[in-house]
Amino acid sequence: MDKFLLLTVLALCCTACASQKKPASVDRPGDSRTRQLQYIDDNAYFLEELSEEESYGYQESNPVKVGGAKEKAGPMNERRFLNALSGPNGEELKYFRAGSCCPFKTPDGLLGNTGLLDRYRVYWEGSKDTLDIYINMYDEGDLKIPVGLNGRKR
């Protein structure tokens, strides 16, 4: 009986302490990332998935969610995302930050559950105009290639 009780308690302790496999973002309600990030190098993510949403990244209502603000890596993650992109024919993408805009509520915000989007202007050699890309550095989401652009090769 003592062995049975001891084994039962041991089994309960082991299962109670076992971790569940779930995306890290489930722990933070503003996050929706389900896949591990891949990198070309320290300065660029490796992106393969093309977005099917025309608005992804191009409208403030559907920003790219790179995350990292709480870890002080938000601006670097923004650059890693932009460095992962190329023009429609593989051209090197150039960009500059056009400022912050568009306050929104997020549980990952630094001041009163509020965050700001960063707006970047992107262009490439031969482009006729610049594109606006809106990036959220507070929340994490699955990163995709915006419509009309390509991902850099490894």
N, C-alpha and C. Protein backbone atom coordinates (compact mmCIF):
# COMPACT_ATOMS: atom_id res chain seq x y z
N MET A 1 0.82 -1.19 0.00
CA MET A 1 0.00 0.00 0.00
C MET A 1 0.87 1.26 0.00
N ASP A 2 1.95 1.25 0.79
CA ASP A 2 2.84 2.41 0.86
C ASP A 2 3.50 2.68 -0.49
N LYS A 3 3.90 1.60 -1.19
CA LYS A 3 4.51 1.77 -2.51
C LYS A 3 3.50 2.35 -3.49
N PHE A 4 2.27 1.88 -3.44
CA PHE A 4 1.22 2.39 -4.34
C PHE A 4 0.97 3.87 -4.09
N LEU A 5 0.88 4.26 -2.82
CA LEU A 5 0.66 5.65 -2.47
C LEU A 5 1.83 6.52 -2.92
N LEU A 6 3.04 6.03 -2.70
CA LEU A 6 4.23 6.77 -3.10
C LEU A 6 4.28 6.94 -4.62
N LEU A 7 3.99 5.87 -5.37
CA LEU A 7 3.99 5.95 -6.83
C LEU A 7 2.89 6.88 -7.33
N THR A 8 1.75 6.88 -6.69
CA THR A 8 0.65 7.76 -7.09
C THR A 8 1.03 9.22 -6.88
N VAL A 9 1.60 9.52 -5.72
CA VAL A 9 2.02 10.90 -5.44
C VAL A 9 3.12 11.33 -6.42
N LEU A 10 4.06 10.44 -6.68
CA LEU A 10 5.13 10.74 -7.62
C LEU A 10 4.57 11.00 -9.02
N ALA A 11 3.64 10.17 -9.45
CA ALA A 11 3.02 10.35 -10.77
C ALA A 11 2.27 11.67 -10.86
N LEU A 12 1.55 12.03 -9.79
CA LEU A 12 0.83 13.30 -9.78
C LEU A 12 1.79 14.48 -9.85
N CYS A 13 2.89 14.40 -9.11
CA CYS A 13 3.87 15.49 -9.15
C CYS A 13 4.48 15.64 -10.54
N CYS A 14 4.79 14.53 -11.16
CA CYS A 14 5.39 14.58 -12.50
C CYS A 14 4.44 15.18 -13.52
N THR A 15 3.19 14.79 -13.48
CA THR A 15 2.25 15.32 -14.47
C THR A 15 1.86 16.75 -14.15
N ALA A 16 1.84 17.12 -12.88
CA ALA A 16 1.48 18.49 -12.52
C ALA A 16 2.58 19.47 -12.93
N CYS A 17 3.81 19.01 -12.94
CA CYS A 17 4.94 19.89 -13.28
C CYS A 17 5.30 19.84 -14.75
N ALA A 18 4.69 18.94 -15.50
CA ALA A 18 5.01 18.82 -16.92
C ALA A 18 4.56 20.06 -17.67
N SER A 19 5.38 20.51 -18.60
CA SER A 19 5.00 21.68 -19.39
C SER A 19 4.15 21.25 -20.57
N GLN A 20 3.29 22.15 -20.98
CA GLN A 20 2.46 21.89 -22.15
C GLN A 20 3.11 22.57 -23.33
N LYS A 21 3.07 21.91 -24.49
CA LYS A 21 3.62 22.53 -25.69
C LYS A 21 2.59 23.48 -26.25
N LYS A 22 2.92 24.76 -26.27
CA LYS A 22 2.06 25.77 -26.84
C LYS A 22 2.94 26.92 -27.28
N PRO A 23 2.48 27.72 -28.23
CA PRO A 23 3.28 28.86 -28.66
C PRO A 23 3.52 29.81 -27.50
N ALA A 24 4.67 30.44 -27.48
CA ALA A 24 4.99 31.39 -26.41
C ALA A 24 3.99 32.52 -26.37
N SER A 25 3.42 32.88 -27.50
CA SER A 25 2.51 34.01 -27.56
C SER A 25 1.20 33.78 -26.84
N VAL A 26 0.85 32.53 -26.55
CA VAL A 26 -0.41 32.26 -25.86
C VAL A 26 -0.40 32.88 -24.48
N ASP A 27 0.78 33.06 -23.91
CA ASP A 27 0.89 33.64 -22.58
C ASP A 27 0.60 35.14 -22.57
N ARG A 28 0.64 35.77 -23.71
CA ARG A 28 0.40 37.21 -23.79
C ARG A 28 -0.76 37.45 -24.74
N PRO A 29 -1.88 37.99 -24.24
CA PRO A 29 -3.10 38.10 -25.04
C PRO A 29 -2.99 38.92 -26.32
N GLY A 30 -2.06 39.85 -26.44
CA GLY A 30 -1.94 40.65 -27.65
C GLY A 30 -1.19 39.93 -28.76
N ASP A 31 -0.64 38.77 -28.45
CA ASP A 31 0.21 38.06 -29.40
C ASP A 31 -0.54 36.93 -30.09
N SER A 32 -0.10 36.64 -31.32
CA SER A 32 -0.73 35.57 -32.09
C SER A 32 0.29 34.72 -32.86
N ARG A 33 1.57 34.82 -32.52
CA ARG A 33 2.60 34.07 -33.24
C ARG A 33 2.46 32.58 -32.94
N THR A 34 2.47 31.77 -34.00
CA THR A 34 2.36 30.32 -33.84
C THR A 34 3.58 29.58 -34.37
N ARG A 35 4.45 30.28 -35.10
CA ARG A 35 5.62 29.63 -35.69
C ARG A 35 6.91 30.26 -35.18
N GLN A 36 7.95 29.44 -35.09
CA GLN A 36 9.27 29.92 -34.71
C GLN A 36 9.83 30.82 -35.80
N LEU A 37 10.56 31.84 -35.39
CA LEU A 37 11.21 32.71 -36.36
C LEU A 37 12.46 32.03 -36.90
N GLN A 38 12.74 32.29 -38.17
CA GLN A 38 13.98 31.84 -38.80
C GLN A 38 14.76 33.08 -39.22
N TYR A 39 16.08 32.95 -39.27
CA TYR A 39 16.93 34.09 -39.56
C TYR A 39 17.83 33.82 -40.76
N ILE A 40 18.05 34.87 -41.56
CA ILE A 40 19.10 34.82 -42.58
C ILE A 40 20.43 35.07 -41.88
N ASP A 41 20.44 36.08 -41.02
CA ASP A 41 21.59 36.42 -40.19
C ASP A 41 21.05 37.22 -39.00
N ASP A 42 21.92 37.83 -38.21
CA ASP A 42 21.48 38.57 -37.03
C ASP A 42 20.62 39.78 -37.37
N ASN A 43 20.70 40.24 -38.62
CA ASN A 43 20.00 41.47 -39.00
C ASN A 43 18.79 41.25 -39.88
N ALA A 44 18.44 40.00 -40.18
CA ALA A 44 17.31 39.75 -41.09
C ALA A 44 16.63 38.42 -40.77
N TYR A 45 15.31 38.48 -40.72
CA TYR A 45 14.54 37.24 -40.62
C TYR A 45 14.56 36.54 -41.98
N PHE A 46 14.24 35.26 -41.98
CA PHE A 46 14.04 34.53 -43.23
C PHE A 46 12.54 34.30 -43.36
N LEU A 47 11.95 34.89 -44.40
CA LEU A 47 10.51 34.80 -44.62
C LEU A 47 10.23 34.02 -45.90
N GLU A 48 9.28 33.11 -45.82
CA GLU A 48 8.90 32.32 -47.00
C GLU A 48 7.43 32.51 -47.36
N GLU A 49 6.60 32.76 -46.36
CA GLU A 49 5.16 32.79 -46.59
C GLU A 49 4.70 34.14 -47.12
N LEU A 50 4.03 34.11 -48.27
CA LEU A 50 3.44 35.32 -48.84
C LEU A 50 2.09 35.56 -48.20
N SER A 51 1.81 36.80 -47.85
CA SER A 51 0.50 37.12 -47.30
C SER A 51 -0.55 37.05 -48.40
N GLU A 52 -1.70 36.55 -48.05
CA GLU A 52 -2.82 36.53 -48.99
C GLU A 52 -3.70 37.76 -48.79
N GLU A 53 -3.41 38.53 -47.74
CA GLU A 53 -4.20 39.71 -47.44
C GLU A 53 -3.55 40.94 -48.07
N GLU A 54 -4.29 41.61 -48.94
CA GLU A 54 -3.77 42.82 -49.61
C GLU A 54 -3.39 43.90 -48.61
N SER A 55 -4.08 43.93 -47.46
CA SER A 55 -3.86 45.00 -46.49
C SER A 55 -2.71 44.72 -45.52
N TYR A 56 -2.18 43.48 -45.50
CA TYR A 56 -1.16 43.12 -44.52
C TYR A 56 0.07 44.03 -44.65
N GLY A 57 0.32 44.77 -43.58
CA GLY A 57 1.46 45.67 -43.54
C GLY A 57 1.21 47.03 -44.17
N TYR A 58 0.25 47.10 -45.09
CA TYR A 58 0.01 48.35 -45.82
C TYR A 58 -1.05 49.23 -45.18
N GLN A 59 -1.83 48.69 -44.28
CA GLN A 59 -2.87 49.48 -43.61
C GLN A 59 -2.66 49.41 -42.11
N GLU A 60 -2.92 50.52 -41.45
CA GLU A 60 -2.73 50.57 -40.00
C GLU A 60 -3.62 49.58 -39.27
N SER A 61 -4.71 49.16 -39.89
CA SER A 61 -5.61 48.19 -39.26
C SER A 61 -5.07 46.76 -39.36
N ASN A 62 -4.01 46.53 -40.13
CA ASN A 62 -3.44 45.19 -40.29
C ASN A 62 -1.91 45.27 -40.34
N PRO A 63 -1.29 45.75 -39.24
CA PRO A 63 0.16 45.93 -39.26
C PRO A 63 0.92 44.62 -39.14
N VAL A 64 2.19 44.67 -39.47
CA VAL A 64 3.11 43.55 -39.24
C VAL A 64 3.44 43.56 -37.75
N LYS A 65 3.27 42.43 -37.09
CA LYS A 65 3.51 42.33 -35.64
C LYS A 65 4.85 41.66 -35.37
N VAL A 66 5.90 42.48 -35.17
CA VAL A 66 7.24 41.92 -34.94
C VAL A 66 7.54 41.69 -33.47
N GLY A 67 6.85 42.39 -32.57
CA GLY A 67 7.09 42.22 -31.14
C GLY A 67 8.47 42.68 -30.72
N GLY A 68 8.78 42.45 -29.45
CA GLY A 68 10.11 42.75 -28.93
C GLY A 68 10.22 43.99 -28.08
N ALA A 69 9.18 44.81 -27.98
CA ALA A 69 9.28 46.06 -27.23
C ALA A 69 9.61 45.82 -25.76
N LYS A 70 8.99 44.83 -25.15
CA LYS A 70 9.24 44.57 -23.73
C LYS A 70 10.67 44.09 -23.48
N GLU A 71 11.27 43.48 -24.48
CA GLU A 71 12.65 43.00 -24.36
C GLU A 71 13.65 44.02 -24.90
N LYS A 72 13.16 45.20 -25.24
CA LYS A 72 13.98 46.28 -25.82
C LYS A 72 14.57 45.89 -27.17
N ALA A 73 13.88 45.00 -27.90
CA ALA A 73 14.34 44.57 -29.22
C ALA A 73 13.37 44.99 -30.32
N GLY A 74 12.36 45.80 -29.99
CA GLY A 74 11.35 46.20 -30.97
C GLY A 74 11.92 46.85 -32.22
N PRO A 75 12.72 47.92 -32.10
CA PRO A 75 13.28 48.55 -33.30
C PRO A 75 14.17 47.60 -34.12
N MET A 76 14.94 46.77 -33.44
CA MET A 76 15.78 45.80 -34.16
C MET A 76 14.91 44.80 -34.90
N ASN A 77 13.82 44.35 -34.28
CA ASN A 77 12.91 43.41 -34.94
C ASN A 77 12.25 44.05 -36.16
N GLU A 78 11.96 45.34 -36.07
CA GLU A 78 11.40 46.04 -37.24
C GLU A 78 12.40 46.00 -38.39
N ARG A 79 13.66 46.31 -38.10
CA ARG A 79 14.69 46.28 -39.14
C ARG A 79 14.92 44.86 -39.66
N ARG A 80 14.87 43.88 -38.77
CA ARG A 80 15.03 42.48 -39.22
C ARG A 80 13.93 42.11 -40.22
N PHE A 81 12.71 42.57 -39.96
CA PHE A 81 11.62 42.28 -40.88
C PHE A 81 11.86 42.97 -42.22
N LEU A 82 12.16 44.26 -42.19
CA LEU A 82 12.37 45.00 -43.43
C LEU A 82 13.58 44.47 -44.20
N ASN A 83 14.63 44.07 -43.50
CA ASN A 83 15.82 43.51 -44.15
C ASN A 83 15.55 42.14 -44.77
N ALA A 84 14.45 41.52 -44.40
CA ALA A 84 14.08 40.20 -44.95
C ALA A 84 13.36 40.31 -46.28
N LEU A 85 13.01 41.53 -46.68
CA LEU A 85 12.21 41.74 -47.89
C LEU A 85 13.07 42.18 -49.06
N SER A 86 12.56 41.93 -50.25
CA SER A 86 13.16 42.46 -51.48
C SER A 86 12.04 42.96 -52.38
N GLY A 87 12.42 43.71 -53.40
CA GLY A 87 11.43 44.24 -54.34
C GLY A 87 10.76 43.13 -55.14
N PRO A 88 9.82 43.50 -56.01
CA PRO A 88 9.05 42.50 -56.76
C PRO A 88 9.91 41.60 -57.64
N ASN A 89 11.06 42.09 -58.09
CA ASN A 89 11.95 41.28 -58.93
C ASN A 89 13.25 40.95 -58.21
N GLY A 90 13.22 40.95 -56.89
CA GLY A 90 14.40 40.63 -56.10
C GLY A 90 15.32 41.80 -55.82
N GLU A 91 14.88 43.02 -56.15
CA GLU A 91 15.71 44.21 -55.91
C GLU A 91 15.96 44.40 -54.41
N GLU A 92 17.11 45.00 -54.10
CA GLU A 92 17.40 45.33 -52.70
C GLU A 92 16.42 46.41 -52.25
N LEU A 93 15.82 46.19 -51.11
CA LEU A 93 14.84 47.13 -50.57
C LEU A 93 15.56 48.17 -49.72
N LYS A 94 15.18 49.41 -49.87
CA LYS A 94 15.68 50.48 -49.02
C LYS A 94 14.49 51.03 -48.25
N TYR A 95 14.74 51.59 -47.09
CA TYR A 95 13.63 52.08 -46.27
C TYR A 95 14.10 53.16 -45.32
N PHE A 96 13.14 53.92 -44.82
CA PHE A 96 13.41 54.87 -43.75
C PHE A 96 12.16 54.97 -42.89
N ARG A 97 12.38 55.27 -41.63
CA ARG A 97 11.27 55.40 -40.68
C ARG A 97 10.65 56.77 -40.86
N ALA A 98 9.34 56.78 -41.11
CA ALA A 98 8.63 58.04 -41.33
C ALA A 98 7.96 58.54 -40.05
N GLY A 99 8.10 57.81 -38.96
CA GLY A 99 7.54 58.25 -37.68
C GLY A 99 6.57 57.25 -37.10
N SER A 100 6.04 57.64 -35.94
CA SER A 100 5.05 56.81 -35.25
C SER A 100 3.67 57.39 -35.49
N CYS A 101 2.68 56.53 -35.40
CA CYS A 101 1.30 56.98 -35.60
C CYS A 101 0.34 56.00 -34.95
N CYS A 102 -0.90 56.30 -35.06
CA CYS A 102 -1.97 55.33 -34.88
C CYS A 102 -1.97 54.64 -33.52
N PRO A 103 -2.26 55.36 -32.43
CA PRO A 103 -2.30 54.70 -31.12
C PRO A 103 -3.34 53.58 -31.10
N PHE A 104 -3.03 52.51 -30.38
CA PHE A 104 -3.94 51.37 -30.27
C PHE A 104 -3.77 50.73 -28.90
N LYS A 105 -4.79 50.01 -28.47
CA LYS A 105 -4.76 49.31 -27.19
C LYS A 105 -4.09 47.95 -27.37
N THR A 106 -3.22 47.62 -26.44
CA THR A 106 -2.56 46.32 -26.44
C THR A 106 -2.13 45.99 -25.02
N PRO A 107 -2.30 44.76 -24.59
CA PRO A 107 -1.81 44.39 -23.26
C PRO A 107 -0.28 44.41 -23.18
N ASP A 108 0.39 44.49 -24.31
CA ASP A 108 1.85 44.51 -24.34
C ASP A 108 2.42 45.92 -24.41
N GLY A 109 1.55 46.95 -24.37
CA GLY A 109 2.00 48.33 -24.45
C GLY A 109 2.82 48.72 -23.23
N LEU A 110 3.66 49.71 -23.40
CA LEU A 110 4.53 50.13 -22.31
C LEU A 110 3.88 51.18 -21.42
N LEU A 111 2.99 51.98 -21.96
CA LEU A 111 2.35 53.04 -21.19
C LEU A 111 0.83 52.86 -21.21
N GLY A 112 0.28 52.37 -20.13
CA GLY A 112 -1.16 52.26 -20.01
C GLY A 112 -1.81 51.39 -21.06
N ASN A 113 -1.20 50.29 -21.40
CA ASN A 113 -1.76 49.37 -22.40
C ASN A 113 -2.01 50.03 -23.75
N THR A 114 -1.16 50.96 -24.11
CA THR A 114 -1.26 51.64 -25.40
C THR A 114 0.06 51.49 -26.15
N GLY A 115 -0.05 51.29 -27.44
CA GLY A 115 1.12 51.22 -28.29
C GLY A 115 0.96 52.15 -29.48
N LEU A 116 2.03 52.39 -30.18
CA LEU A 116 2.02 53.19 -31.41
C LEU A 116 2.62 52.35 -32.53
N LEU A 117 2.07 52.48 -33.71
CA LEU A 117 2.65 51.81 -34.87
C LEU A 117 3.80 52.65 -35.39
N ASP A 118 4.79 52.01 -35.97
CA ASP A 118 5.85 52.72 -36.68
C ASP A 118 5.56 52.59 -38.17
N ARG A 119 5.69 53.72 -38.87
CA ARG A 119 5.43 53.73 -40.31
C ARG A 119 6.76 53.88 -41.03
N TYR A 120 7.03 52.93 -41.91
CA TYR A 120 8.25 52.95 -42.71
C TYR A 120 7.89 53.19 -44.16
N ARG A 121 8.74 53.93 -44.85
CA ARG A 121 8.61 54.14 -46.30
C ARG A 121 9.65 53.23 -46.95
N VAL A 122 9.20 52.38 -47.87
CA VAL A 122 10.10 51.44 -48.53
C VAL A 122 10.11 51.70 -50.04
N TYR A 123 11.27 51.46 -50.64
CA TYR A 123 11.42 51.65 -52.09
C TYR A 123 12.60 50.80 -52.55
N TRP A 124 12.76 50.70 -53.84
CA TRP A 124 13.85 49.94 -54.45
C TRP A 124 14.21 50.61 -55.75
N GLU A 125 15.37 50.29 -56.28
CA GLU A 125 15.81 50.89 -57.54
C GLU A 125 14.79 50.59 -58.63
N GLY A 126 14.35 51.64 -59.31
CA GLY A 126 13.38 51.49 -60.38
C GLY A 126 11.93 51.65 -59.93
N SER A 127 11.70 51.73 -58.62
CA SER A 127 10.31 51.91 -58.16
C SER A 127 9.87 53.34 -58.45
N LYS A 128 8.61 53.49 -58.76
CA LYS A 128 8.08 54.81 -59.11
C LYS A 128 7.67 55.61 -57.88
N ASP A 129 7.40 54.93 -56.79
CA ASP A 129 6.96 55.60 -55.57
C ASP A 129 7.38 54.76 -54.37
N THR A 130 7.18 55.29 -53.19
CA THR A 130 7.46 54.52 -51.98
C THR A 130 6.17 53.89 -51.47
N LEU A 131 6.33 52.82 -50.72
CA LEU A 131 5.20 52.15 -50.08
C LEU A 131 5.28 52.41 -48.58
N ASP A 132 4.14 52.53 -47.93
CA ASP A 132 4.10 52.61 -46.47
C ASP A 132 3.91 51.21 -45.91
N ILE A 133 4.72 50.87 -44.92
CA ILE A 133 4.53 49.62 -44.18
C ILE A 133 4.39 49.98 -42.71
N TYR A 134 3.30 49.50 -42.11
CA TYR A 134 3.00 49.76 -40.70
C TYR A 134 3.46 48.56 -39.88
N ILE A 135 4.23 48.85 -38.82
CA ILE A 135 4.80 47.78 -38.00
C ILE A 135 4.45 48.01 -36.52
N ASN A 136 4.00 46.94 -35.88
CA ASN A 136 3.66 46.91 -34.46
C ASN A 136 4.79 46.19 -33.74
N MET A 137 5.53 46.91 -32.90
CA MET A 137 6.64 46.28 -32.18
C MET A 137 6.24 45.81 -30.79
N TYR A 138 4.96 45.92 -30.45
CA TYR A 138 4.50 45.52 -29.13
C TYR A 138 3.98 44.08 -29.11
N ASP A 139 3.28 43.69 -30.14
CA ASP A 139 2.66 42.37 -30.20
C ASP A 139 3.40 41.51 -31.23
N GLU A 140 3.35 40.20 -31.02
CA GLU A 140 4.00 39.26 -31.94
C GLU A 140 2.95 38.54 -32.77
N GLY A 141 3.22 38.40 -34.05
CA GLY A 141 2.36 37.65 -34.95
C GLY A 141 3.21 36.87 -35.93
N ASP A 142 2.59 35.99 -36.68
CA ASP A 142 3.33 35.27 -37.71
C ASP A 142 3.72 36.25 -38.80
N LEU A 143 4.99 36.26 -39.17
CA LEU A 143 5.51 37.21 -40.14
C LEU A 143 5.37 36.66 -41.55
N LYS A 144 4.86 37.50 -42.44
CA LYS A 144 4.64 37.12 -43.83
C LYS A 144 5.21 38.20 -44.74
N ILE A 145 5.32 37.87 -46.01
CA ILE A 145 5.79 38.83 -47.01
C ILE A 145 4.58 39.58 -47.54
N PRO A 146 4.58 40.92 -47.43
CA PRO A 146 3.44 41.68 -47.95
C PRO A 146 3.26 41.48 -49.46
N VAL A 147 2.02 41.56 -49.90
CA VAL A 147 1.67 41.42 -51.32
C VAL A 147 2.50 42.40 -52.15
N GLY A 148 3.06 41.93 -53.26
CA GLY A 148 3.83 42.78 -54.17
C GLY A 148 5.32 42.78 -53.90
N LEU A 149 5.73 42.21 -52.77
CA LEU A 149 7.16 42.14 -52.44
C LEU A 149 7.59 40.68 -52.42
N ASN A 150 8.88 40.46 -52.25
CA ASN A 150 9.43 39.11 -52.15
C ASN A 150 10.29 39.02 -50.90
N GLY A 151 10.66 37.79 -50.55
CA GLY A 151 11.57 37.57 -49.44
C GLY A 151 12.98 37.42 -49.97
N ARG A 152 13.94 37.90 -49.18
CA ARG A 152 15.35 37.71 -49.54
C ARG A 152 15.70 36.24 -49.49
N LYS A 153 16.66 35.87 -50.29
CA LYS A 153 17.16 34.49 -50.29
C LYS A 153 18.19 34.33 -49.18
N ARG A 154 18.37 33.11 -48.74
CA ARG A 154 19.39 32.83 -47.70
C ARG A 154 20.78 32.93 -48.27
